[in-house]
Amino acid sequence: MKLLVVSHGAFCQGILDSYQMIAGENKDIFAISLTDTGIQDFSERLNKQLTELESEDILILTDIKGGTPYNEAYKYYLSNEERIRVVAGMNLPMVIEVGLNLANTKLNDLAEMAIEIGKNGIEGIVEEAAEDNDLEF
């Protein structure tokens, strides 16, 4: 199982760097950025990476649904549905949990985990909640 994180700009590389700082290096996680070199270049690099991993199941995490990284990943998914899943809305809790579970989780379960952890990793601090918080500083 492999994890591919893709995004506009350096976001995916930054999230991979943060993952490695927290959880250590993982040779099964790859990052591909859409840069100012354009969509064609991004698409070629994405397809090259996916072709190199063609014997593997791959979860692709993207930054924004409907953006170029998502759309290009989705195009690849359409011709490889048995071994590719795409999840949009990537965040660090999602990447950490998925990265730590790559070796022992099935592809569909990993995609569902990414969505659940991603949603649960979002929290806001409101005045009432701050008063009830047990954290001490």
C-alpha atoms as a PDB file:
ATOM      1  CA  MET A   1       0.000   0.000   0.000  1.00  0.00           C
ATOM      2  CA  LYS A   2       1.249   3.455  -0.914  1.00  0.00           C
ATOM      3  CA  LEU A   3       0.108   6.962  -0.020  1.00  0.00           C
ATOM      4  CA  LEU A   4       0.375   9.828  -2.475  1.00  0.00           C
ATOM      5  CA  VAL A   5      -0.274  13.385  -1.277  1.00  0.00           C
ATOM      6  CA  VAL A   6      -0.900  15.981  -3.992  1.00  0.00           C
ATOM      7  CA  SER A   7      -1.682  19.678  -3.794  1.00  0.00           C
ATOM      8  CA  HIS A   8      -1.458  23.154  -5.204  1.00  0.00           C
ATOM      9  CA  GLY A   9       2.001  24.496  -4.405  1.00  0.00           C
ATOM     10  CA  ALA A  10       4.220  23.118  -1.665  1.00  0.00           C
ATOM     11  CA  PHE A  11       1.396  22.178   0.738  1.00  0.00           C
ATOM     12  CA  CYS A  12       1.787  18.438   0.131  1.00  0.00           C
ATOM     13  CA  GLN A  13       5.560  18.538   0.634  1.00  0.00           C
ATOM     14  CA  GLY A  14       5.072  20.562   3.813  1.00  0.00           C
ATOM     15  CA  ILE A  15       2.535  18.095   5.169  1.00  0.00           C
ATOM     16  CA  LEU A  16       4.897  15.223   4.326  1.00  0.00           C
ATOM     17  CA  ASP A  17       7.748  17.048   6.105  1.00  0.00           C
ATOM     18  CA  SER A  18       5.506  17.500   9.163  1.00  0.00           C
ATOM     19  CA  TYR A  19       4.503  13.827   9.061  1.00  0.00           C
ATOM     20  CA  GLN A  20       8.163  12.803   9.013  1.00  0.00           C
ATOM     21  CA  MET A  21       8.961  15.129  11.925  1.00  0.00           C
ATOM     22  CA  ILE A  22       6.196  13.544  14.011  1.00  0.00           C
ATOM     23  CA  ALA A  23       6.124   9.906  12.863  1.00  0.00           C
ATOM     24  CA  GLY A  24       9.467   9.351  11.148  1.00  0.00           C
ATOM     25  CA  GLU A  25      10.340   8.634   7.547  1.00  0.00           C
ATOM     26  CA  ASN A  26       8.015   6.382   5.572  1.00  0.00           C
ATOM     27  CA  LYS A  27       9.198   5.220   2.154  1.00  0.00           C
ATOM     28  CA  ASP A  28       5.609   4.408   1.161  1.00  0.00           C
ATOM     29  CA  ILE A  29       4.495   8.063   1.128  1.00  0.00           C
ATOM     30  CA  PHE A  30       5.093  10.334  -1.866  1.00  0.00           C
ATOM     31  CA  ALA A  31       4.301  13.997  -2.590  1.00  0.00           C
ATOM     32  CA  ILE A  32       3.634  15.705  -5.915  1.00  0.00           C
ATOM     33  CA  SER A  33       3.015  19.453  -6.121  1.00  0.00           C
ATOM     34  CA  LEU A  34       1.236  21.439  -8.797  1.00  0.00           C
ATOM     35  CA  THR A  35       3.721  24.242  -9.405  1.00  0.00           C
ATOM     36  CA  ASP A  36       3.935  27.190 -11.749  1.00  0.00           C
ATOM     37  CA  THR A  37       5.299  24.817 -14.403  1.00  0.00           C
ATOM     38  CA  GLY A  38       1.657  24.078 -15.145  1.00  0.00           C
ATOM     39  CA  ILE A  39      -0.989  21.412 -15.329  1.00  0.00           C
ATOM     40  CA  GLN A  40       0.661  19.393 -18.108  1.00  0.00           C
ATOM     41  CA  ASP A  41       3.874  19.038 -16.097  1.00  0.00           C
ATOM     42  CA  PHE A  42       1.932  18.089 -12.959  1.00  0.00           C
ATOM     43  CA  SER A  43      -0.120  15.527 -14.868  1.00  0.00           C
ATOM     44  CA  GLU A  44       3.009  13.964 -16.360  1.00  0.00           C
ATOM     45  CA  ARG A  45       4.746  13.720 -12.965  1.00  0.00           C
ATOM     46  CA  LEU A  46       1.605  12.294 -11.353  1.00  0.00           C
ATOM     47  CA  ASN A  47       1.125   9.689 -14.066  1.00  0.00           C
ATOM     48  CA  LYS A  48       4.814   8.755 -13.971  1.00  0.00           C
ATOM     49  CA  GLN A  49       4.664   8.183 -10.204  1.00  0.00           C
ATOM     50  CA  LEU A  50       1.422   6.211 -10.444  1.00  0.00           C
ATOM     51  CA  THR A  51       2.816   4.086 -13.282  1.00  0.00           C
ATOM     52  CA  GLU A  52       5.917   3.297 -11.200  1.00  0.00           C
ATOM     53  CA  LEU A  53       3.585   2.102  -8.433  1.00  0.00           C
ATOM     54  CA  GLU A  54       1.212   0.207 -10.739  1.00  0.00           C
ATOM     55  CA  SER A  55       1.492  -3.052  -8.792  1.00  0.00           C
ATOM     56  CA  GLU A  56       0.393  -1.325  -5.566  1.00  0.00           C
ATOM     57  CA  ASP A  57      -2.870  -0.168  -4.054  1.00  0.00           C
ATOM     58  CA  ILE A  58      -2.658   3.608  -3.683  1.00  0.00           C
ATOM     59  CA  LEU A  59      -4.584   6.124  -1.609  1.00  0.00           C
ATOM     60  CA  ILE A  60      -4.297   9.630  -3.038  1.00  0.00           C
ATOM     61  CA  LEU A  61      -4.978  12.530  -0.675  1.00  0.00           C
ATOM     62  CA  THR A  62      -5.608  15.912  -2.289  1.00  0.00           C
ATOM     63  CA  ASP A  63      -5.998  19.425  -0.970  1.00  0.00           C
ATOM     64  CA  ILE A  64      -9.244  20.590  -2.647  1.00  0.00           C
ATOM     65  CA  LYS A  65     -12.025  18.674  -4.374  1.00  0.00           C
ATOM     66  CA  GLY A  66     -12.397  20.034  -7.883  1.00  0.00           C
ATOM     67  CA  GLY A  67      -8.892  21.504  -8.036  1.00  0.00           C
ATOM     68  CA  THR A  68      -6.344  20.346 -10.596  1.00  0.00           C
ATOM     69  CA  PRO A  69      -4.544  17.865  -8.283  1.00  0.00           C
ATOM     70  CA  TYR A  70      -7.889  16.251  -7.420  1.00  0.00           C
ATOM     71  CA  ASN A  71      -9.121  16.260 -11.011  1.00  0.00           C
ATOM     72  CA  GLU A  72      -5.930  14.676 -12.347  1.00  0.00           C
ATOM     73  CA  ALA A  73      -5.957  12.034  -9.586  1.00  0.00           C
ATOM     74  CA  TYR A  74      -9.625  11.339 -10.308  1.00  0.00           C
ATOM     75  CA  LYS A  75      -8.877  10.822 -14.019  1.00  0.00           C
ATOM     76  CA  TYR A  76      -6.320   8.174 -13.067  1.00  0.00           C
ATOM     77  CA  TYR A  77      -8.785   6.588 -10.635  1.00  0.00           C
ATOM     78  CA  LEU A  78     -11.375   6.175 -13.405  1.00  0.00           C
ATOM     79  CA  SER A  79      -9.082   3.799 -15.279  1.00  0.00           C
ATOM     80  CA  ASN A  80      -7.733   2.058 -12.141  1.00  0.00           C
ATOM     81  CA  GLU A  81     -10.733   1.788  -9.817  1.00  0.00           C
ATOM     82  CA  GLU A  82      -9.662  -1.540  -8.345  1.00  0.00           C
ATOM     83  CA  ARG A  83      -6.449  -0.175  -6.813  1.00  0.00           C
ATOM     84  CA  ILE A  84      -6.854   3.604  -6.399  1.00  0.00           C
ATOM     85  CA  ARG A  85      -8.902   5.731  -4.005  1.00  0.00           C
ATOM     86  CA  VAL A  86      -8.956   9.538  -3.899  1.00  0.00           C
ATOM     87  CA  VAL A  87      -9.855  11.630  -0.840  1.00  0.00           C
ATOM     88  CA  ALA A  88      -9.994  15.449  -0.860  1.00  0.00           C
ATOM     89  CA  GLY A  89      -9.527  17.828   2.075  1.00  0.00           C
ATOM     90  CA  MET A  90      -6.152  16.556   3.247  1.00  0.00           C
ATOM     91  CA  ASN A  91      -4.970  17.647   6.689  1.00  0.00           C
ATOM     92  CA  LEU A  92      -2.135  16.610   9.002  1.00  0.00           C
ATOM     93  CA  PRO A  93      -4.169  14.380  11.370  1.00  0.00           C
ATOM     94  CA  MET A  94      -5.426  12.502   8.291  1.00  0.00           C
ATOM     95  CA  VAL A  95      -1.926  12.018   6.869  1.00  0.00           C
ATOM     96  CA  ILE A  96      -0.479  10.883  10.209  1.00  0.00           C
ATOM     97  CA  GLU A  97      -3.182   8.295  10.860  1.00  0.00           C
ATOM     98  CA  VAL A  98      -3.167   6.962   7.308  1.00  0.00           C
ATOM     99  CA  GLY A  99       0.632   6.886   7.189  1.00  0.00           C
ATOM    100  CA  LEU A 100       0.829   4.900  10.406  1.00  0.00           C
ATOM    101  CA  ASN A 101      -1.740   2.383   9.132  1.00  0.00           C
ATOM    102  CA  LEU A 102      -0.552   1.876   5.541  1.00  0.00           C
ATOM    103  CA  ALA A 103       0.936  -1.564   6.118  1.00  0.00           C
ATOM    104  CA  ASN A 104      -1.990  -3.163   7.907  1.00  0.00           C
ATOM    105  CA  THR A 105      -5.185  -1.652   6.471  1.00  0.00           C
ATOM    106  CA  LYS A 106      -7.132  -2.406   3.296  1.00  0.00           C
ATOM    107  CA  LEU A 107      -7.524   0.337   0.701  1.00  0.00           C
ATOM    108  CA  ASN A 108     -11.240   1.017   1.213  1.00  0.00           C
ATOM    109  CA  ASP A 109     -10.813   1.020   4.988  1.00  0.00           C
ATOM    110  CA  LEU A 110      -7.881   3.411   4.670  1.00  0.00           C
ATOM    111  CA  ALA A 111      -9.941   5.814   2.545  1.00  0.00           C
ATOM    112  CA  GLU A 112     -12.786   5.724   5.080  1.00  0.00           C
ATOM    113  CA  MET A 113     -10.279   6.238   7.907  1.00  0.00           C
ATOM    114  CA  ALA A 114      -8.813   9.254   6.117  1.00  0.00           C
ATOM    115  CA  ILE A 115     -12.229  10.887   5.847  1.00  0.00           C
ATOM    116  CA  GLU A 116     -13.182  10.183   9.457  1.00  0.00           C
ATOM    117  CA  ILE A 117      -9.852  11.273  10.951  1.00  0.00           C
ATOM    118  CA  GLY A 118      -9.744  14.320   8.681  1.00  0.00           C
ATOM    119  CA  LYS A 119     -13.154  15.469   9.909  1.00  0.00           C
ATOM    120  CA  ASN A 120     -12.345  14.700  13.543  1.00  0.00           C
ATOM    121  CA  GLY A 121      -9.082  16.631  13.269  1.00  0.00           C
ATOM    122  CA  ILE A 122     -10.985  19.878  12.778  1.00  0.00           C
ATOM    123  CA  GLU A 123     -11.980  21.705  15.933  1.00  0.00           C
ATOM    124  CA  GLY A 124     -12.615  25.255  16.940  1.00  0.00           C
ATOM    125  CA  ILE A 125     -12.318  26.926  20.303  1.00  0.00           C
ATOM    126  CA  VAL A 126     -15.434  28.748  21.379  1.00  0.00           C
ATOM    127  CA  GLU A 127     -15.831  30.659  24.613  1.00  0.00           C
ATOM    128  CA  GLU A 128     -17.995  28.060  26.395  1.00  0.00           C
ATOM    129  CA  ALA A 129     -15.719  25.198  25.399  1.00  0.00           C
ATOM    130  CA  ALA A 130     -12.628  27.092  26.524  1.00  0.00           C
ATOM    131  CA  GLU A 131     -14.087  27.447  30.024  1.00  0.00           C
ATOM    132  CA  ASP A 132     -14.693  23.681  30.251  1.00  0.00           C
ATOM    133  CA  ASN A 133     -11.270  22.708  28.916  1.00  0.00           C
ATOM    134  CA  ASP A 134      -9.078  20.756  31.346  1.00  0.00           C
ATOM    135  CA  LEU A 135      -5.821  21.825  29.711  1.00  0.00           C
ATOM    136  CA  GLU A 136      -3.375  23.631  31.966  1.00  0.00           C
ATOM    137  CA  PHE A 137      -0.727  26.012  30.678  1.00  0.00           C
END
